[in-house]
């Protein structure tokens, strides 16, 4: 074939690749975008050839960041732990662990996304080496910048070539999302039109309220259901997916706060939360959230006299936790005193025990020059015993 023949073939291929986009909705892409915005490692589960890599490229293009793809199954542990480079004086300067080229490119760029494909086909030794990359963002002697986002993909062991179950320590550090395809979307894409991904944007004005509400919801739920704080599944396949632990609940806290701050729709946020703590704990938490309906703690602190304490005990605890978190997030004397007015209503309602923990947390925020407010009187004995006053 002549060069002209290649040019014509390349032109044909370029025309096939060219496509337009249109507004569309994809729960899995929106859930992935939420988790990436929260800077949480994500693991996409799906059969080969259904568009995991294409979804990653679409997300990277939408964020305007570079994407580095690393096929985990064809690498050695040293490719992630670093290759030793002996200097002129190793006894004094040590041995440098040289990072791979993809890590250097991300570091020089100051951020981006790294996509570890075929993770479940990587042997346990490689998975163990990847653990430090996911946990500490450390590749050899190089620490990846904070703006670097980590996403991986895995095929179910039944469909992966020489597939392995993920080790529990590695699995427990990911948000697990099942990746599927919509035949109608694929058919329209073959015609030249693909859906456009909407990137969630955190509203700075919502950050304080979002963090406070998320803390209240997670803390209230785990107080009511302590058995779900940590539950390691029995079978190997389940241990290689999402399950609840203090680590994954902290991840859920970040996700929920980002969801509140972005004004995320319920379905993508629910998908991401279940992918963080597992089906059982996730579904129960979502049910709890539907009935919670927490008021905006910042609005309550602005005018505590108009606030009525919720009747249910779990809502009371969640809301008082959110109020204290809101005060801590933007601590002023006025907001601190308003917090005590809110807690005093729990005493008036005959449930001082619900507010006891929140009172201790609020008391330690007091600055020496602030006078003791009247609302603290009902908690004086408790606080004196705890040494908070």
Protein backbone atom coordinates (compact mmCIF):
# COMPACT_ATOMS: atom_id res chain seq x y z
CA UNK A 1 0.00 0.00 0.00
CA UNK A 2 1.31 3.47 -0.88
CA UNK A 3 1.58 6.39 1.50
CA UNK A 4 -1.42 7.98 -0.22
CA UNK A 5 -3.35 4.83 0.58
CA UNK A 6 -2.49 5.16 4.27
CA UNK A 7 -3.45 8.84 4.25
CA UNK A 8 -6.84 8.05 2.84
CA UNK A 9 -7.37 5.26 5.38
CA UNK A 10 -6.35 7.57 8.20
CA UNK A 11 -8.77 10.22 6.96
CA UNK A 12 -11.57 7.65 6.97
CA UNK A 13 -10.69 6.62 10.53
CA UNK A 14 -10.60 10.26 11.67
CA UNK A 15 -14.08 10.83 10.26
CA UNK A 16 -15.41 7.82 12.14
CA UNK A 17 -13.84 9.09 15.38
CA UNK A 18 -15.34 12.54 14.94
CA UNK A 19 -18.60 12.76 16.84
CA UNK A 20 -20.85 15.37 18.34
CA UNK A 21 -22.21 15.40 21.87
CA UNK A 22 -25.59 16.24 23.31
CA UNK A 23 -26.84 16.72 26.89
CA UNK A 24 -27.53 13.35 28.44
CA UNK A 25 -27.86 11.65 31.79
CA UNK A 26 -25.71 8.77 33.01
CA UNK A 27 -25.93 7.69 36.62
CA UNK A 28 -22.66 5.80 36.51
CA UNK A 29 -20.73 8.68 34.92
CA UNK A 30 -22.25 11.16 37.38
CA UNK A 31 -21.36 8.88 40.32
CA UNK A 32 -17.81 8.55 38.97
CA UNK A 33 -17.53 12.33 38.60
CA UNK A 34 -18.72 12.84 42.19
CA UNK A 35 -16.16 10.40 43.58
CA UNK A 36 -13.38 11.97 41.51
CA UNK A 37 -14.41 15.44 42.71
CA UNK A 38 -14.16 14.14 46.29
CA UNK A 39 -10.62 12.91 45.44
CA UNK A 40 -11.48 9.31 46.30
CA UNK A 41 -9.96 6.36 44.44
CA UNK A 42 -12.57 4.68 42.24
CA UNK A 43 -12.74 1.12 40.93
CA UNK A 44 -14.94 0.44 37.90
CA UNK A 45 -16.23 -3.13 37.61
CA UNK A 46 -17.43 -4.37 34.24
CA UNK A 47 -17.06 -6.89 31.46
CA UNK A 48 -14.33 -6.30 28.87
CA UNK A 49 -15.07 -3.94 26.00
CA UNK A 50 -18.03 -2.01 27.43
CA UNK A 51 -16.48 1.46 27.51
CA UNK A 52 -14.65 1.86 30.82
CA UNK A 53 -11.62 3.40 29.13
CA UNK A 54 -13.84 5.60 26.94
CA UNK A 55 -15.70 6.84 30.02
CA UNK A 56 -12.39 7.75 31.65
CA UNK A 57 -11.27 9.70 28.60
CA UNK A 58 -14.60 11.52 28.52
CA UNK A 59 -14.26 12.47 32.17
CA UNK A 60 -10.65 13.66 31.72
CA UNK A 61 -11.66 15.74 28.69
CA UNK A 62 -14.56 17.25 30.66
CA UNK A 63 -12.25 18.18 33.52
CA UNK A 64 -9.58 19.46 31.13
CA UNK A 65 -6.82 17.33 32.70
CA UNK A 66 -4.35 14.81 31.23
CA UNK A 67 -5.06 11.10 31.52
CA UNK A 68 -2.37 8.46 32.05
CA UNK A 69 -3.46 4.86 31.43
CA UNK A 70 -1.44 2.06 33.04
CA UNK A 71 -2.27 -1.61 32.34
CA UNK A 72 -1.68 -3.03 35.81
CA UNK A 73 -1.71 -6.67 34.71
CA UNK A 74 1.41 -6.32 32.53
CA UNK A 75 3.55 -4.58 35.16
CA UNK A 76 5.86 -5.83 37.89
CA UNK A 77 5.71 -4.69 41.53
CA UNK A 78 8.88 -2.62 40.98
CA UNK A 79 7.04 -0.57 38.35
CA UNK A 80 4.97 0.93 41.20
CA UNK A 81 7.40 0.62 44.12
CA UNK A 82 10.19 2.15 42.00
CA UNK A 83 13.43 0.82 40.54
CA UNK A 84 16.54 1.26 42.74
CA UNK A 85 19.10 3.73 41.39
CA UNK A 86 22.45 3.62 43.19
CA UNK A 87 24.19 7.00 43.45
CA UNK A 88 27.84 7.86 43.91
CA UNK A 89 27.69 7.53 47.70
CA UNK A 90 24.84 5.18 48.68
CA UNK A 91 26.08 4.88 52.26
CA UNK A 92 25.34 8.57 52.85
CA UNK A 93 22.77 9.50 50.22
CA UNK A 94 20.84 6.23 50.18
CA UNK A 95 19.31 4.53 47.15
CA UNK A 96 16.72 6.41 45.11
CA UNK A 97 13.65 4.49 43.95
CA UNK A 98 13.13 5.84 40.45
CA UNK A 99 9.46 6.42 39.51
CA UNK A 100 8.03 5.38 36.10
CA UNK A 101 7.49 7.88 33.27
CA UNK A 102 3.70 8.20 33.75
CA UNK A 103 4.19 9.35 37.36
CA UNK A 104 6.80 11.91 36.29
CA UNK A 105 4.46 13.35 33.66
CA UNK A 106 1.65 13.75 36.20
CA UNK A 107 4.00 15.33 38.70
CA UNK A 108 5.40 17.81 36.18
CA UNK A 109 1.88 18.73 35.10
CA UNK A 110 0.84 19.32 38.72
CA UNK A 111 -2.21 17.06 38.49
CA UNK A 112 -4.34 14.90 36.24
CA UNK A 113 -5.82 11.42 36.31
CA UNK A 114 -4.16 8.01 36.38
CA UNK A 115 -6.19 5.03 35.22
CA UNK A 116 -5.04 1.57 36.33
CA UNK A 117 -6.73 -0.86 33.96
CA UNK A 118 -7.13 -4.64 34.42
CA UNK A 119 -6.49 -4.44 38.16
CA UNK A 120 -8.14 -7.78 38.90
CA UNK A 121 -5.80 -9.48 36.43
CA UNK A 122 -2.76 -8.26 38.34
CA UNK A 123 -1.26 -10.81 40.77
CA UNK A 124 -1.37 -10.09 44.53
CA UNK A 125 2.25 -8.88 44.58
CA UNK A 126 1.42 -6.16 42.05
CA UNK A 127 -1.77 -5.27 43.94
CA UNK A 128 0.28 -4.90 47.12
CA UNK A 129 2.69 -2.51 45.36
CA UNK A 130 -0.26 -0.51 44.04
CA UNK A 131 -1.63 -0.18 47.56
CA UNK A 132 0.92 2.50 48.44
CA UNK A 133 0.12 4.42 45.26
CA UNK A 134 -3.59 4.44 46.14
CA UNK A 135 -3.13 5.06 49.86
CA UNK A 136 -0.20 7.51 49.97
CA UNK A 137 0.08 8.70 46.35
CA UNK A 138 3.68 7.51 46.57
CA UNK A 139 5.40 6.04 43.48
CA UNK A 140 8.96 5.08 44.26
CA UNK A 141 10.63 8.18 45.71
CA UNK A 142 8.04 10.48 44.11
CA UNK A 143 4.88 11.72 45.83
CA UNK A 144 2.13 12.50 43.37
CA UNK A 145 0.55 15.97 43.72
CA UNK A 146 -2.75 16.19 45.60
CA UNK A 147 -4.73 17.13 42.43
CA UNK A 148 -3.92 13.71 40.90
CA UNK A 149 -7.05 11.53 40.85
CA UNK A 150 -6.80 7.72 40.89
CA UNK A 151 -9.26 5.48 39.01
CA UNK A 152 -8.90 1.78 38.31
CA UNK A 153 -10.89 -0.78 36.35
CA UNK A 154 -11.38 -4.47 36.89
CA UNK A 155 -13.14 -7.31 35.17
CA UNK A 156 -15.03 -9.81 37.33
CA UNK A 157 -12.73 -12.76 38.07
CA UNK A 158 -15.04 -15.00 36.03
CA UNK A 159 -14.37 -12.99 32.85
CA UNK A 160 -10.81 -11.80 33.51
CA UNK A 161 -7.84 -13.61 32.05
CA UNK A 162 -6.09 -15.22 35.03
CA UNK A 163 -8.30 -13.11 37.28
CA UNK A 164 -7.62 -12.66 41.01
CA UNK A 165 -9.84 -11.49 43.82
CA UNK A 166 -8.72 -8.13 45.13
CA UNK A 167 -7.08 -8.21 48.55
CA UNK A 168 -9.31 -6.72 51.30
CA UNK A 169 -6.86 -3.89 52.17
CA UNK A 170 -6.79 -2.73 48.55
CA UNK A 171 -10.52 -3.18 47.94
CA UNK A 172 -11.38 -1.21 51.09
CA UNK A 173 -9.66 1.88 49.70
CA UNK A 174 -11.85 2.24 46.60
CA UNK A 175 -15.31 3.45 45.72
CA UNK A 176 -16.67 0.49 43.75
CA UNK A 177 -18.91 1.28 40.78
CA UNK A 178 -20.51 -1.29 38.49
CA UNK A 179 -19.98 -0.23 34.87
CA UNK A 180 -22.70 -1.21 32.42
CA UNK A 181 -23.83 -0.01 29.01
CA UNK A 182 -27.11 1.19 27.55
CA UNK A 183 -27.71 -0.36 24.10
CA UNK A 184 -29.61 2.76 23.00
CA UNK A 185 -26.67 5.01 23.90
CA UNK A 186 -24.27 2.73 22.02
CA UNK A 187 -26.55 2.68 18.97
CA UNK A 188 -26.81 6.48 18.94
CA UNK A 189 -23.05 6.73 19.42
CA UNK A 190 -22.44 4.56 16.38
CA UNK A 191 -24.54 7.12 14.49
CA UNK A 192 -22.14 9.84 15.61
CA UNK A 193 -23.71 11.32 18.77
CA UNK A 194 -22.62 10.56 22.33
CA UNK A 195 -24.00 11.95 25.62
CA UNK A 196 -22.13 14.85 27.22
CA UNK A 197 -20.95 14.45 30.80
CA UNK A 198 -21.96 17.14 33.29
CA UNK A 199 -19.08 17.76 35.71
CA UNK A 200 -20.21 18.51 39.29
CA UNK A 201 -18.96 21.85 40.60
CA UNK A 202 -18.59 22.53 44.31
CA UNK A 203 -20.34 25.76 45.33
CA UNK A 204 -18.01 27.51 47.79
CA UNK A 205 -20.93 29.18 49.53
CA UNK A 206 -22.32 25.74 50.43
CA UNK A 207 -19.13 24.21 51.82
CA UNK A 208 -19.73 24.97 55.51
CA UNK A 209 -23.32 23.75 55.52
CA UNK A 210 -22.43 20.71 53.38
CA UNK A 211 -19.68 19.54 55.75
CA UNK A 212 -21.85 20.09 58.83
CA UNK A 213 -24.85 18.21 57.41
CA UNK A 214 -22.67 15.34 56.22
CA UNK A 215 -21.02 15.00 59.64
CA UNK A 216 -24.42 15.01 61.33
CA UNK A 217 -25.86 12.37 59.01
CA UNK A 218 -22.92 9.93 59.19
CA UNK A 219 -22.38 10.36 62.94
CA UNK A 220 -26.08 10.03 63.70
CA UNK A 221 -26.43 6.87 61.62
CA UNK A 222 -23.38 5.14 63.09
CA UNK A 223 -24.51 6.04 66.60
CA UNK A 224 -27.86 4.38 65.88
CA UNK A 225 -26.28 1.39 64.05
CA UNK A 226 -22.87 0.74 65.66
CA UNK A 227 -22.76 -2.77 64.23
CA UNK A 228 -22.28 -1.28 60.75
CA UNK A 229 -19.14 0.69 61.63
CA UNK A 230 -17.03 -2.29 60.57
CA UNK A 231 -18.12 -5.51 58.92
CA UNK A 232 -15.66 -7.66 56.95
CA UNK A 233 -17.52 -10.08 54.64
CA UNK A 234 -16.88 -13.79 54.95
CA UNK A 235 -16.35 -14.84 51.33
CA UNK A 236 -13.36 -13.78 49.23
CA UNK A 237 -15.37 -12.20 46.41
CA UNK A 238 -17.32 -9.93 48.78
CA UNK A 239 -14.12 -8.91 50.60
CA UNK A 240 -12.80 -7.76 47.21
CA UNK A 241 -15.68 -5.30 46.79
CA UNK A 242 -17.15 -2.52 48.96
CA UNK A 243 -17.74 -3.15 52.67
CA UNK A 244 -18.12 -0.88 55.72
CA UNK A 245 -15.15 0.14 57.84
CA UNK A 246 -14.11 3.37 59.58
CA UNK A 247 -12.05 4.13 56.47
CA UNK A 248 -14.94 3.74 54.04
CA UNK A 249 -17.30 5.71 56.30
CA UNK A 250 -14.81 8.57 56.17
CA UNK A 251 -14.88 8.23 52.39
CA UNK A 252 -18.68 8.31 52.52
CA UNK A 253 -18.47 11.49 54.60
CA UNK A 254 -16.40 13.18 51.87
CA UNK A 255 -18.78 11.96 49.17
CA UNK A 256 -21.85 13.16 51.00
CA UNK A 257 -20.32 16.58 51.68
CA UNK A 258 -19.36 16.96 48.01
CA UNK A 259 -22.85 15.86 47.01
CA UNK A 260 -24.44 18.50 49.25
CA UNK A 261 -22.04 21.19 48.04
CA UNK A 262 -22.65 20.31 44.38
CA UNK A 263 -26.40 19.97 44.69
CA UNK A 264 -26.03 16.43 43.31
CA UNK A 265 -29.05 14.44 42.26
CA UNK A 266 -30.09 11.61 44.54
CA UNK A 267 -29.44 8.63 42.24
CA UNK A 268 -25.76 9.28 41.40
CA UNK A 269 -25.00 10.17 45.03
CA UNK A 270 -26.77 7.02 46.24
CA UNK A 271 -24.83 4.90 43.73
CA UNK A 272 -21.52 6.32 44.92
CA UNK A 273 -22.39 5.90 48.61
CA UNK A 274 -23.41 2.25 48.16
CA UNK A 275 -20.18 1.73 46.21
CA UNK A 276 -18.26 3.02 49.22
CA UNK A 277 -19.71 1.07 52.17
CA UNK A 278 -21.38 -1.85 50.37
CA UNK A 279 -24.94 -2.87 49.55
CA UNK A 280 -26.22 -3.72 53.02
CA UNK A 281 -24.86 -0.74 54.96
CA UNK A 282 -25.36 1.58 51.99
CA UNK A 283 -29.02 0.78 51.45
CA UNK A 284 -29.74 1.10 55.17
CA UNK A 285 -27.94 4.45 55.31
CA UNK A 286 -29.88 5.74 52.28
CA UNK A 287 -33.15 4.75 53.96
CA UNK A 288 -32.03 6.62 57.08
CA UNK A 289 -31.15 9.67 54.94
CA UNK A 290 -34.57 9.75 53.27
CA UNK A 291 -36.27 10.14 56.63
CA UNK A 292 -33.66 12.48 58.12
CA UNK A 293 -34.30 15.74 56.23
CA UNK A 294 -31.88 17.85 58.29
CA UNK A 295 -32.51 21.60 58.48
CA UNK A 296 -29.73 23.95 57.34
CA UNK A 297 -27.57 24.37 60.50
CA UNK A 298 -26.25 27.78 59.38
CA UNK A 299 -29.77 29.16 59.07
CA UNK A 300 -30.65 27.81 62.49
CA UNK A 301 -27.55 29.41 64.03
CA UNK A 302 -28.50 32.71 62.44
CA UNK A 303 -31.87 32.66 64.24
CA UNK A 304 -32.00 29.87 66.87
CA UNK A 305 -35.17 31.25 68.49
CA UNK A 306 -37.26 30.12 65.50
CA UNK A 307 -35.88 26.57 65.51
CA UNK A 308 -37.95 23.62 66.71
CA UNK A 309 -36.07 20.47 67.72
CA UNK A 310 -37.03 17.37 65.69
CA UNK A 311 -39.15 14.84 67.56
CA UNK A 312 -37.25 11.67 66.63
CA UNK A 313 -34.17 10.85 68.70
CA UNK A 314 -31.96 9.91 65.73
CA UNK A 315 -32.83 13.18 63.94
CA UNK A 316 -32.13 15.14 67.12
CA UNK A 317 -28.67 13.60 67.48
CA UNK A 318 -27.83 14.06 63.80
CA UNK A 319 -28.93 17.67 63.79
CA UNK A 320 -27.14 18.65 67.01
CA UNK A 321 -23.97 17.07 65.63
CA UNK A 322 -24.42 19.11 62.46
CA UNK A 323 -24.91 22.30 64.50
CA UNK A 324 -21.67 21.76 66.43
CA UNK A 325 -19.80 20.98 63.20
CA UNK A 326 -21.17 24.18 61.65
CA UNK A 327 -19.98 26.23 64.63
CA UNK A 328 -16.54 24.60 64.46
CA UNK A 329 -16.33 25.27 60.72
CA UNK A 330 -16.80 29.02 61.22
CA UNK A 331 -16.20 29.78 64.88
CA UNK A 332 -17.35 33.15 66.20
CA UNK A 333 -18.68 34.15 69.61
CA UNK A 334 -22.12 34.84 68.16
CA UNK A 335 -22.36 31.41 66.49
CA UNK A 336 -20.95 29.67 69.58
CA UNK A 337 -23.60 31.29 71.81
CA UNK A 338 -26.30 30.45 69.25
CA UNK A 339 -25.16 26.81 69.45
CA UNK A 340 -25.89 26.79 73.17
CA UNK A 341 -29.38 28.18 72.50
CA UNK A 342 -30.00 25.26 70.17
CA UNK A 343 -28.69 22.71 72.69
CA UNK A 344 -30.81 24.25 75.44
CA UNK A 345 -33.90 23.33 73.45
CA UNK A 346 -32.96 19.67 73.85
CA UNK A 347 -33.06 20.19 77.62
CA UNK A 348 -36.42 21.94 77.36
CA UNK A 349 -37.69 19.01 75.30
CA UNK A 350 -36.68 16.59 78.07
CA UNK A 351 -33.78 14.91 76.22
CA UNK A 352 -30.57 16.38 77.71
CA UNK A 353 -28.78 13.08 77.15
CA UNK A 354 -29.09 13.56 73.38
CA UNK A 355 -27.30 16.90 73.60
CA UNK A 356 -24.67 15.82 76.16
CA UNK A 357 -22.00 14.81 73.64
CA UNK A 358 -22.62 17.88 71.50
CA UNK A 359 -22.37 20.06 74.61
CA UNK A 360 -18.93 18.70 75.44
CA UNK A 361 -17.71 19.34 71.89
CA UNK A 362 -19.12 22.86 71.92
CA UNK A 363 -17.63 23.69 75.32
CA UNK A 364 -14.04 23.00 74.29
CA UNK A 365 -14.35 25.61 71.49
CA UNK A 366 -14.82 28.44 74.01
CA UNK A 367 -12.15 31.13 74.01
CA UNK A 368 -11.05 32.47 77.41
CA UNK A 369 -12.49 35.95 76.82
CA UNK A 370 -15.97 34.65 75.97
CA UNK A 371 -18.49 34.75 78.84
CA UNK A 372 -20.41 31.63 79.79
CA UNK A 373 -23.84 31.83 78.11
CA UNK A 374 -27.07 31.14 79.97
CA UNK A 375 -27.86 28.12 77.80
CA UNK A 376 -24.92 26.25 79.27
CA UNK A 377 -26.43 26.06 82.76
CA UNK A 378 -28.26 22.79 82.13
CA UNK A 379 -24.94 21.14 81.20
CA UNK A 380 -22.69 22.60 83.89
CA UNK A 381 -22.54 19.47 86.04
CA UNK A 382 -21.77 17.25 83.06
CA UNK A 383 -19.11 19.63 81.70
CA UNK A 384 -17.42 20.13 85.05
CA UNK A 385 -17.16 16.36 85.50
CA UNK A 386 -15.61 16.01 82.05
CA UNK A 387 -13.16 18.90 82.64
CA UNK A 388 -14.46 20.89 79.66
CA UNK A 389 -15.06 23.96 81.86
